[in-house]
């Protein structure tokens, strides 16, 4: 890391948050394959464009599908490591380093906002591929502090939705909060031969993705929280909750006046969707 980058990063992670005269939007991003982290494709190019459309954040806080823990933790180190938490991909992907600083002060401030559970300050995790594959496209200079908040696998969806509401003040302080997962995510049913072709989704995946979008547009969050009541198609879309729960964090941060829009709204490989949400 160059001396200039180190000094700039040090300044970033020692700054404290102040209230801003604007409210940061919130994003749910369908991150899809780790290869999106190094490819210039329609998904990664949209992430780059999004970063130019919204205010430059003071920091980024990501709730990633790939940090599933017992209890809730937040990264609190000065420089989080880049985690290559996948296998079977080209060596080029494993060589990627995203040297963004962390921010221990923001970690402590965020933890203090959460009263529904104790939040541990973590010094071991880092930035997993649910975070860096997106953020390196959005902020390639790696000069904005990036933190991760873990997902407590012992809690139900309603807990996560309610916890998100406790983070609302961060939007007023210029923090970009991103939920990173996939709205429809069933790896066991992926049509691997369809991954590299045109957008392709099974009927149930396309129908469920639209159902989710309709509920989000109507701000009807209760069925989304209790998704197990939405029928067999919902359980096909969400066979396990880790990629879906980041969406609930995004929805929990929605204010009454926040507009909603979608981007990267495409199915992939039959049983996945890249559908992403911008709130605010």
C-alpha atoms as a PDB file:
ATOM      1  CA  UNK A   1       0.000   0.000   0.000  1.00  0.00           C
ATOM      2  CA  UNK A   2       1.455   3.367  -0.965  1.00  0.00           C
ATOM      3  CA  UNK A   3       2.257   6.019   1.623  1.00  0.00           C
ATOM      4  CA  UNK A   4      -0.268   8.386   0.060  1.00  0.00           C
ATOM      5  CA  UNK A   5      -3.011   5.756   0.204  1.00  0.00           C
ATOM      6  CA  UNK A   6      -2.087   4.878   3.806  1.00  0.00           C
ATOM      7  CA  UNK A   7      -2.267   8.503   4.945  1.00  0.00           C
ATOM      8  CA  UNK A   8      -5.566   9.034   3.139  1.00  0.00           C
ATOM      9  CA  UNK A   9      -7.041   5.899   4.631  1.00  0.00           C
ATOM     10  CA  UNK A  10      -5.821   6.884   8.112  1.00  0.00           C
ATOM     11  CA  UNK A  11      -7.617  10.213   7.786  1.00  0.00           C
ATOM     12  CA  UNK A  12     -10.775   8.409   6.673  1.00  0.00           C
ATOM     13  CA  UNK A  13     -10.933   5.935   9.518  1.00  0.00           C
ATOM     14  CA  UNK A  14     -10.162   8.505  12.204  1.00  0.00           C
ATOM     15  CA  UNK A  15     -12.922  10.880  11.111  1.00  0.00           C
ATOM     16  CA  UNK A  16     -16.145  10.859  13.126  1.00  0.00           C
ATOM     17  CA  UNK A  17     -19.625  10.961  11.648  1.00  0.00           C
ATOM     18  CA  UNK A  18     -21.649  14.153  11.627  1.00  0.00           C
ATOM     19  CA  UNK A  19     -25.253  14.650  10.578  1.00  0.00           C
ATOM     20  CA  UNK A  20     -25.544  15.620   6.907  1.00  0.00           C
ATOM     21  CA  UNK A  21     -28.067  17.861   5.153  1.00  0.00           C
ATOM     22  CA  UNK A  22     -29.246  14.903   3.071  1.00  0.00           C
ATOM     23  CA  UNK A  23     -30.440  11.348   3.625  1.00  0.00           C
ATOM     24  CA  UNK A  24     -28.378   8.564   2.067  1.00  0.00           C
ATOM     25  CA  UNK A  25     -30.268   6.020  -0.020  1.00  0.00           C
ATOM     26  CA  UNK A  26     -30.224   2.337   0.906  1.00  0.00           C
ATOM     27  CA  UNK A  27     -29.439  -0.472  -1.523  1.00  0.00           C
ATOM     28  CA  UNK A  28     -30.172  -4.155  -1.780  1.00  0.00           C
ATOM     29  CA  UNK A  29     -27.819  -5.616  -4.367  1.00  0.00           C
ATOM     30  CA  UNK A  30     -28.105  -9.017  -5.956  1.00  0.00           C
ATOM     31  CA  UNK A  31     -24.432  -9.960  -6.041  1.00  0.00           C
ATOM     32  CA  UNK A  32     -24.629 -13.251  -7.941  1.00  0.00           C
ATOM     33  CA  UNK A  33     -21.435 -15.032  -8.968  1.00  0.00           C
ATOM     34  CA  UNK A  34     -18.089 -13.959  -7.471  1.00  0.00           C
ATOM     35  CA  UNK A  35     -16.930 -13.514 -11.077  1.00  0.00           C
ATOM     36  CA  UNK A  36     -18.969 -10.317 -11.180  1.00  0.00           C
ATOM     37  CA  UNK A  37     -16.194  -8.904  -9.016  1.00  0.00           C
ATOM     38  CA  UNK A  38     -13.694  -8.945 -11.884  1.00  0.00           C
ATOM     39  CA  UNK A  39     -15.905  -8.859 -14.965  1.00  0.00           C
ATOM     40  CA  UNK A  40     -17.153  -5.773 -16.766  1.00  0.00           C
ATOM     41  CA  UNK A  41     -20.714  -6.879 -17.467  1.00  0.00           C
ATOM     42  CA  UNK A  42     -24.187  -5.395 -17.300  1.00  0.00           C
ATOM     43  CA  UNK A  43     -24.425  -6.023 -13.561  1.00  0.00           C
ATOM     44  CA  UNK A  44     -21.049  -4.629 -12.514  1.00  0.00           C
ATOM     45  CA  UNK A  45     -21.402  -1.677 -14.879  1.00  0.00           C
ATOM     46  CA  UNK A  46     -24.712  -0.807 -13.214  1.00  0.00           C
ATOM     47  CA  UNK A  47     -23.005  -0.870  -9.818  1.00  0.00           C
ATOM     48  CA  UNK A  48     -20.423   1.590 -11.151  1.00  0.00           C
ATOM     49  CA  UNK A  49     -23.163   3.840 -12.489  1.00  0.00           C
ATOM     50  CA  UNK A  50     -25.086   3.707  -9.216  1.00  0.00           C
ATOM     51  CA  UNK A  51     -22.065   5.008  -7.305  1.00  0.00           C
ATOM     52  CA  UNK A  52     -22.069   8.087  -9.557  1.00  0.00           C
ATOM     53  CA  UNK A  53     -25.799   8.656  -9.150  1.00  0.00           C
ATOM     54  CA  UNK A  54     -25.869   8.803  -5.345  1.00  0.00           C
ATOM     55  CA  UNK A  55     -23.965  11.050  -2.909  1.00  0.00           C
ATOM     56  CA  UNK A  56     -20.440   9.925  -2.069  1.00  0.00           C
ATOM     57  CA  UNK A  57     -20.755   8.181   1.293  1.00  0.00           C
ATOM     58  CA  UNK A  58     -18.710   8.862   4.403  1.00  0.00           C
ATOM     59  CA  UNK A  59     -18.579   5.102   4.909  1.00  0.00           C
ATOM     60  CA  UNK A  60     -20.231   1.942   3.602  1.00  0.00           C
ATOM     61  CA  UNK A  61     -21.885  -0.645   5.854  1.00  0.00           C
ATOM     62  CA  UNK A  62     -22.690  -3.981   4.191  1.00  0.00           C
ATOM     63  CA  UNK A  63     -24.928  -6.760   5.471  1.00  0.00           C
ATOM     64  CA  UNK A  64     -23.618  -9.690   3.425  1.00  0.00           C
ATOM     65  CA  UNK A  65     -25.209 -13.095   2.979  1.00  0.00           C
ATOM     66  CA  UNK A  66     -21.774 -14.586   3.567  1.00  0.00           C
ATOM     67  CA  UNK A  67     -21.251 -13.517   7.185  1.00  0.00           C
ATOM     68  CA  UNK A  68     -23.718 -15.699   9.072  1.00  0.00           C
ATOM     69  CA  UNK A  69     -22.887 -15.839  12.791  1.00  0.00           C
ATOM     70  CA  UNK A  70     -24.250 -16.767  16.202  1.00  0.00           C
ATOM     71  CA  UNK A  71     -24.878 -13.322  17.634  1.00  0.00           C
ATOM     72  CA  UNK A  72     -24.343 -10.006  15.870  1.00  0.00           C
ATOM     73  CA  UNK A  73     -20.890  -8.609  15.099  1.00  0.00           C
ATOM     74  CA  UNK A  74     -19.476  -5.643  13.246  1.00  0.00           C
ATOM     75  CA  UNK A  75     -16.006  -5.379  11.742  1.00  0.00           C
ATOM     76  CA  UNK A  76     -13.948  -2.961  13.821  1.00  0.00           C
ATOM     77  CA  UNK A  77     -10.406  -3.201  12.484  1.00  0.00           C
ATOM     78  CA  UNK A  78      -8.416  -0.424  10.834  1.00  0.00           C
ATOM     79  CA  UNK A  79      -7.805  -2.370   7.628  1.00  0.00           C
ATOM     80  CA  UNK A  80     -10.112  -5.345   6.944  1.00  0.00           C
ATOM     81  CA  UNK A  81      -8.630  -8.177   4.911  1.00  0.00           C
ATOM     82  CA  UNK A  82     -10.055  -9.306   1.585  1.00  0.00           C
ATOM     83  CA  UNK A  83     -11.684 -12.729   2.075  1.00  0.00           C
ATOM     84  CA  UNK A  84     -11.783 -15.184  -0.825  1.00  0.00           C
ATOM     85  CA  UNK A  85     -14.625 -17.317   0.501  1.00  0.00           C
ATOM     86  CA  UNK A  86     -15.282 -19.487  -2.551  1.00  0.00           C
ATOM     87  CA  UNK A  87     -13.729 -22.282  -4.582  1.00  0.00           C
ATOM     88  CA  UNK A  88     -13.462 -23.492  -8.146  1.00  0.00           C
ATOM     89  CA  UNK A  89     -12.913 -20.098  -9.755  1.00  0.00           C
ATOM     90  CA  UNK A  90      -9.988 -18.752 -11.823  1.00  0.00           C
ATOM     91  CA  UNK A  91      -6.779 -17.807 -10.019  1.00  0.00           C
ATOM     92  CA  UNK A  92      -7.305 -14.200 -11.121  1.00  0.00           C
ATOM     93  CA  UNK A  93     -10.241 -13.933  -8.724  1.00  0.00           C
ATOM     94  CA  UNK A  94      -8.195 -15.186  -5.768  1.00  0.00           C
ATOM     95  CA  UNK A  95      -5.525 -12.560  -6.416  1.00  0.00           C
ATOM     96  CA  UNK A  96      -7.912  -9.644  -5.982  1.00  0.00           C
ATOM     97  CA  UNK A  97      -7.244  -7.445  -2.967  1.00  0.00           C
ATOM     98  CA  UNK A  98      -9.546  -4.585  -2.026  1.00  0.00           C
ATOM     99  CA  UNK A  99      -7.562  -2.488   0.485  1.00  0.00           C
ATOM    100  CA  UNK A 100     -10.307  -0.185   1.758  1.00  0.00           C
ATOM    101  CA  UNK A 101      -9.883   1.018   5.337  1.00  0.00           C
ATOM    102  CA  UNK A 102     -12.239   0.085   8.106  1.00  0.00           C
ATOM    103  CA  UNK A 103     -13.399   2.508  10.773  1.00  0.00           C
ATOM    104  CA  UNK A 104     -13.288   1.414  14.434  1.00  0.00           C
ATOM    105  CA  UNK A 105     -15.020   4.627  15.548  1.00  0.00           C
ATOM    106  CA  UNK A 106     -17.975   4.072  13.230  1.00  0.00           C
ATOM    107  CA  UNK A 107     -18.115   0.422  14.310  1.00  0.00           C
ATOM    108  CA  UNK A 108     -18.438   1.487  17.945  1.00  0.00           C
ATOM    109  CA  UNK A 109     -20.992   4.177  17.088  1.00  0.00           C
ATOM    110  CA  UNK A 110     -23.065   1.701  15.071  1.00  0.00           C
ATOM    111  CA  UNK A 111     -22.929  -0.900  17.831  1.00  0.00           C
ATOM    112  CA  UNK A 112     -24.145   1.719  20.323  1.00  0.00           C
ATOM    113  CA  UNK A 113     -27.225   2.408  18.168  1.00  0.00           C
ATOM    114  CA  UNK A 114     -28.396  -1.196  18.424  1.00  0.00           C
ATOM    115  CA  UNK A 115     -30.327  -1.949  21.603  1.00  0.00           C
ATOM    116  CA  UNK A 116     -32.164  -5.123  20.586  1.00  0.00           C
ATOM    117  CA  UNK A 117     -29.022  -7.229  20.948  1.00  0.00           C
ATOM    118  CA  UNK A 118     -25.416  -6.965  22.031  1.00  0.00           C
ATOM    119  CA  UNK A 119     -23.088  -6.242  19.110  1.00  0.00           C
ATOM    120  CA  UNK A 120     -19.554  -7.590  19.285  1.00  0.00           C
ATOM    121  CA  UNK A 121     -16.664  -5.627  17.791  1.00  0.00           C
ATOM    122  CA  UNK A 122     -14.921  -8.057  15.437  1.00  0.00           C
ATOM    123  CA  UNK A 123     -11.233  -7.930  14.534  1.00  0.00           C
ATOM    124  CA  UNK A 124     -10.939 -11.221  12.619  1.00  0.00           C
ATOM    125  CA  UNK A 125     -13.395 -11.247   9.709  1.00  0.00           C
ATOM    126  CA  UNK A 126     -12.846  -8.667   6.962  1.00  0.00           C
ATOM    127  CA  UNK A 127     -14.629  -8.116   3.645  1.00  0.00           C
ATOM    128  CA  UNK A 128     -16.134 -11.248   2.103  1.00  0.00           C
ATOM    129  CA  UNK A 129     -17.109 -11.609  -1.537  1.00  0.00           C
ATOM    130  CA  UNK A 130     -20.653 -10.423  -0.845  1.00  0.00           C
ATOM    131  CA  UNK A 131     -19.026  -7.065  -0.142  1.00  0.00           C
ATOM    132  CA  UNK A 132     -15.842  -6.553  -2.120  1.00  0.00           C
ATOM    133  CA  UNK A 133     -17.088  -7.919  -5.450  1.00  0.00           C
ATOM    134  CA  UNK A 134     -19.608  -5.060  -5.467  1.00  0.00           C
ATOM    135  CA  UNK A 135     -17.744  -2.276  -3.691  1.00  0.00           C
ATOM    136  CA  UNK A 136     -14.569  -2.530  -5.782  1.00  0.00           C
ATOM    137  CA  UNK A 137     -16.667  -1.595  -8.817  1.00  0.00           C
ATOM    138  CA  UNK A 138     -18.513   1.203  -7.034  1.00  0.00           C
ATOM    139  CA  UNK A 139     -15.490   2.743  -5.300  1.00  0.00           C
ATOM    140  CA  UNK A 140     -12.380   1.464  -7.123  1.00  0.00           C
ATOM    141  CA  UNK A 141     -10.010   3.839  -5.321  1.00  0.00           C
ATOM    142  CA  UNK A 142     -10.687   1.973  -2.041  1.00  0.00           C
ATOM    143  CA  UNK A 143     -10.599   5.280  -0.171  1.00  0.00           C
ATOM    144  CA  UNK A 144     -13.961   5.004   1.613  1.00  0.00           C
ATOM    145  CA  UNK A 145     -14.195   3.049   4.901  1.00  0.00           C
ATOM    146  CA  UNK A 146     -16.080  -0.235   4.516  1.00  0.00           C
ATOM    147  CA  UNK A 147     -17.582  -2.217   7.386  1.00  0.00           C
ATOM    148  CA  UNK A 148     -19.658  -5.386   7.603  1.00  0.00           C
ATOM    149  CA  UNK A 149     -22.481  -6.236   9.993  1.00  0.00           C
ATOM    150  CA  UNK A 150     -23.086  -9.946  10.471  1.00  0.00           C
ATOM    151  CA  UNK A 151     -26.412 -11.785  10.295  1.00  0.00           C
ATOM    152  CA  UNK A 152     -27.355 -13.729  13.440  1.00  0.00           C
ATOM    153  CA  UNK A 153     -28.559 -17.129  12.213  1.00  0.00           C
ATOM    154  CA  UNK A 154     -30.307 -17.844  15.534  1.00  0.00           C
ATOM    155  CA  UNK A 155     -32.860 -15.050  14.987  1.00  0.00           C
ATOM    156  CA  UNK A 156     -36.011 -14.958  12.888  1.00  0.00           C
ATOM    157  CA  UNK A 157     -36.643 -12.590   9.962  1.00  0.00           C
ATOM    158  CA  UNK A 158     -38.715 -10.198  12.098  1.00  0.00           C
ATOM    159  CA  UNK A 159     -35.694  -9.671  14.370  1.00  0.00           C
ATOM    160  CA  UNK A 160     -33.501  -8.650  11.433  1.00  0.00           C
ATOM    161  CA  UNK A 161     -36.117  -6.290  10.008  1.00  0.00           C
ATOM    162  CA  UNK A 162     -36.505  -4.608  13.420  1.00  0.00           C
ATOM    163  CA  UNK A 163     -32.735  -4.389  13.964  1.00  0.00           C
ATOM    164  CA  UNK A 164     -32.362  -2.557  10.659  1.00  0.00           C
ATOM    165  CA  UNK A 165     -34.636   0.217  11.922  1.00  0.00           C
ATOM    166  CA  UNK A 166     -32.129   0.919  14.672  1.00  0.00           C
ATOM    167  CA  UNK A 167     -29.567   1.801  12.009  1.00  0.00           C
ATOM    168  CA  UNK A 168     -31.686   4.557  10.456  1.00  0.00           C
ATOM    169  CA  UNK A 169     -29.597   7.367  11.977  1.00  0.00           C
ATOM    170  CA  UNK A 170     -26.635   6.217   9.893  1.00  0.00           C
ATOM    171  CA  UNK A 171     -28.495   7.347   6.780  1.00  0.00           C
ATOM    172  CA  UNK A 172     -28.516  10.869   8.234  1.00  0.00           C
ATOM    173  CA  UNK A 173     -24.775  10.669   8.846  1.00  0.00           C
ATOM    174  CA  UNK A 174     -23.820   9.886   5.253  1.00  0.00           C
ATOM    175  CA  UNK A 175     -23.377   6.126   5.593  1.00  0.00           C
ATOM    176  CA  UNK A 176     -24.394   3.994   2.623  1.00  0.00           C
ATOM    177  CA  UNK A 177     -26.030   0.798   3.886  1.00  0.00           C
ATOM    178  CA  UNK A 178     -26.115  -2.116   1.461  1.00  0.00           C
ATOM    179  CA  UNK A 179     -27.800  -5.483   1.836  1.00  0.00           C
ATOM    180  CA  UNK A 180     -25.963  -7.978  -0.376  1.00  0.00           C
ATOM    181  CA  UNK A 181     -27.577 -11.268  -1.334  1.00  0.00           C
ATOM    182  CA  UNK A 182     -30.080 -12.445  -3.941  1.00  0.00           C
ATOM    183  CA  UNK A 183     -33.861 -12.162  -3.844  1.00  0.00           C
ATOM    184  CA  UNK A 184     -34.271 -15.575  -5.481  1.00  0.00           C
ATOM    185  CA  UNK A 185     -31.375 -17.915  -4.673  1.00  0.00           C
ATOM    186  CA  UNK A 186     -31.624 -21.676  -5.121  1.00  0.00           C
ATOM    187  CA  UNK A 187     -28.214 -23.086  -6.070  1.00  0.00           C
ATOM    188  CA  UNK A 188     -29.444 -26.682  -6.047  1.00  0.00           C
ATOM    189  CA  UNK A 189     -31.730 -25.960  -8.990  1.00  0.00           C
ATOM    190  CA  UNK A 190     -29.380 -23.841 -11.118  1.00  0.00           C
ATOM    191  CA  UNK A 191     -29.396 -24.637 -14.834  1.00  0.00           C
ATOM    192  CA  UNK A 192     -25.625 -24.464 -15.208  1.00  0.00           C
ATOM    193  CA  UNK A 193     -25.843 -24.735 -18.984  1.00  0.00           C
ATOM    194  CA  UNK A 194     -27.925 -21.524 -19.066  1.00  0.00           C
ATOM    195  CA  UNK A 195     -25.597 -19.339 -16.983  1.00  0.00           C
ATOM    196  CA  UNK A 196     -23.673 -17.822 -19.879  1.00  0.00           C
ATOM    197  CA  UNK A 197     -26.551 -17.320 -22.284  1.00  0.00           C
ATOM    198  CA  UNK A 198     -29.482 -14.906 -22.357  1.00  0.00           C
ATOM    199  CA  UNK A 199     -31.391 -14.154 -19.159  1.00  0.00           C
ATOM    200  CA  UNK A 200     -33.199 -17.316 -18.133  1.00  0.00           C
ATOM    201  CA  UNK A 201     -35.522 -18.015 -15.219  1.00  0.00           C
ATOM    202  CA  UNK A 202     -37.833 -20.860 -14.315  1.00  0.00           C
ATOM    203  CA  UNK A 203     -41.498 -19.877 -14.246  1.00  0.00           C
ATOM    204  CA  UNK A 204     -41.667 -20.144 -10.460  1.00  0.00           C
ATOM    205  CA  UNK A 205     -38.560 -17.942 -10.054  1.00  0.00           C
ATOM    206  CA  UNK A 206     -39.883 -15.225 -12.364  1.00  0.00           C
ATOM    207  CA  UNK A 207     -43.304 -15.314 -10.698  1.00  0.00           C
ATOM    208  CA  UNK A 208     -41.867 -15.153  -7.176  1.00  0.00           C
ATOM    209  CA  UNK A 209     -39.462 -12.388  -8.083  1.00  0.00           C
ATOM    210  CA  UNK A 210     -42.386 -10.332  -9.380  1.00  0.00           C
ATOM    211  CA  UNK A 211     -44.385 -11.101  -6.234  1.00  0.00           C
ATOM    212  CA  UNK A 212     -41.524  -9.794  -4.108  1.00  0.00           C
ATOM    213  CA  UNK A 213     -41.269  -6.655  -6.234  1.00  0.00           C
ATOM    214  CA  UNK A 214     -45.003  -5.965  -6.017  1.00  0.00           C
ATOM    215  CA  UNK A 215     -44.920  -6.235  -2.229  1.00  0.00           C
ATOM    216  CA  UNK A 216     -41.871  -3.952  -2.053  1.00  0.00           C
ATOM    217  CA  UNK A 217     -43.505  -1.329  -4.288  1.00  0.00           C
ATOM    218  CA  UNK A 218     -46.635  -1.426  -2.124  1.00  0.00           C
ATOM    219  CA  UNK A 219     -44.511  -1.105   1.047  1.00  0.00           C
ATOM    220  CA  UNK A 220     -46.260  -4.257   2.233  1.00  0.00           C
ATOM    221  CA  UNK A 221     -43.400  -5.633   4.274  1.00  0.00           C
ATOM    222  CA  UNK A 222     -45.166  -8.083   6.580  1.00  0.00           C
ATOM    223  CA  UNK A 223     -45.595 -10.832   3.934  1.00  0.00           C
ATOM    224  CA  UNK A 224     -41.941 -10.337   3.014  1.00  0.00           C
ATOM    225  CA  UNK A 225     -40.917 -10.778   6.638  1.00  0.00           C
ATOM    226  CA  UNK A 226     -43.117 -13.867   6.961  1.00  0.00           C
ATOM    227  CA  UNK A 227     -42.138 -15.225   3.555  1.00  0.00           C
ATOM    228  CA  UNK A 228     -42.834 -18.795   4.672  1.00  0.00           C
ATOM    229  CA  UNK A 229     -46.539 -17.952   4.357  1.00  0.00           C
ATOM    230  CA  UNK A 230     -46.202 -17.100   0.644  1.00  0.00           C
ATOM    231  CA  UNK A 231     -46.447 -20.671  -0.575  1.00  0.00           C
ATOM    232  CA  UNK A 232     -44.313 -23.314  -2.256  1.00  0.00           C
ATOM    233  CA  UNK A 233     -42.765 -20.939  -4.791  1.00  0.00           C
ATOM    234  CA  UNK A 234     -41.411 -18.752  -1.994  1.00  0.00           C
ATOM    235  CA  UNK A 235     -39.760 -21.757  -0.398  1.00  0.00           C
ATOM    236  CA  UNK A 236     -38.184 -22.663  -3.735  1.00  0.00           C
ATOM    237  CA  UNK A 237     -36.913 -19.089  -4.022  1.00  0.00           C
ATOM    238  CA  UNK A 238     -35.624 -19.068  -0.429  1.00  0.00           C
ATOM    239  CA  UNK A 239     -34.610 -22.629   0.505  1.00  0.00           C
ATOM    240  CA  UNK A 240     -32.198 -21.129   3.055  1.00  0.00           C
ATOM    241  CA  UNK A 241     -32.486 -17.568   4.412  1.00  0.00           C
ATOM    242  CA  UNK A 242     -28.966 -16.136   4.233  1.00  0.00           C
ATOM    243  CA  UNK A 243     -29.245 -14.515   0.783  1.00  0.00           C
ATOM    244  CA  UNK A 244     -32.750 -13.195   1.461  1.00  0.00           C
ATOM    245  CA  UNK A 245     -32.277 -11.629   4.900  1.00  0.00           C
ATOM    246  CA  UNK A 246     -30.104  -8.736   3.593  1.00  0.00           C
ATOM    247  CA  UNK A 247     -33.215  -7.598   1.690  1.00  0.00           C
ATOM    248  CA  UNK A 248     -35.083  -7.266   4.990  1.00  0.00           C
ATOM    249  CA  UNK A 249     -32.331  -5.016   6.352  1.00  0.00           C
ATOM    250  CA  UNK A 250     -32.811  -2.752   3.345  1.00  0.00           C
ATOM    251  CA  UNK A 251     -36.595  -2.680   3.734  1.00  0.00           C
ATOM    252  CA  UNK A 252     -36.347  -2.016   7.459  1.00  0.00           C
ATOM    253  CA  UNK A 253     -34.477   1.199   6.663  1.00  0.00           C
ATOM    254  CA  UNK A 254     -37.188   2.566   4.386  1.00  0.00           C
ATOM    255  CA  UNK A 255     -38.769   5.843   5.454  1.00  0.00           C
ATOM    256  CA  UNK A 256     -42.343   6.915   4.686  1.00  0.00           C
ATOM    257  CA  UNK A 257     -41.275   9.272   1.910  1.00  0.00           C
ATOM    258  CA  UNK A 258     -38.643   7.068   0.310  1.00  0.00           C
ATOM    259  CA  UNK A 259     -39.171   6.164  -3.325  1.00  0.00           C
ATOM    260  CA  UNK A 260     -38.378   2.649  -4.532  1.00  0.00           C
ATOM    261  CA  UNK A 261     -36.793   1.566  -7.811  1.00  0.00           C
ATOM    262  CA  UNK A 262     -35.280  -1.627  -9.197  1.00  0.00           C
ATOM    263  CA  UNK A 263     -32.148  -2.304 -11.231  1.00  0.00           C
ATOM    264  CA  UNK A 264     -30.302  -5.348 -12.606  1.00  0.00           C
ATOM    265  CA  UNK A 265     -33.728  -6.955 -12.697  1.00  0.00           C
ATOM    266  CA  UNK A 266     -32.873 -10.202 -14.494  1.00  0.00           C
ATOM    267  CA  UNK A 267     -32.993 -13.936 -13.788  1.00  0.00           C
ATOM    268  CA  UNK A 268     -29.787 -15.964 -14.085  1.00  0.00           C
ATOM    269  CA  UNK A 269     -29.413 -19.707 -14.498  1.00  0.00           C
ATOM    270  CA  UNK A 270     -33.069 -20.463 -13.946  1.00  0.00           C
ATOM    271  CA  UNK A 271     -33.192 -20.267 -10.149  1.00  0.00           C
ATOM    272  CA  UNK A 272     -31.372 -17.011  -9.331  1.00  0.00           C
ATOM    273  CA  UNK A 273     -32.306 -13.371  -9.788  1.00  0.00           C
ATOM    274  CA  UNK A 274     -30.002 -10.363  -9.771  1.00  0.00           C
ATOM    275  CA  UNK A 275     -32.902  -8.011  -8.969  1.00  0.00           C
ATOM    276  CA  UNK A 276     -31.679  -5.116  -6.862  1.00  0.00           C
ATOM    277  CA  UNK A 277     -33.485  -2.353  -4.985  1.00  0.00           C
ATOM    278  CA  UNK A 278     -32.762   1.322  -4.406  1.00  0.00           C
ATOM    279  CA  UNK A 279     -34.647   3.010  -1.586  1.00  0.00           C
ATOM    280  CA  UNK A 280     -34.497   6.780  -1.329  1.00  0.00           C
END
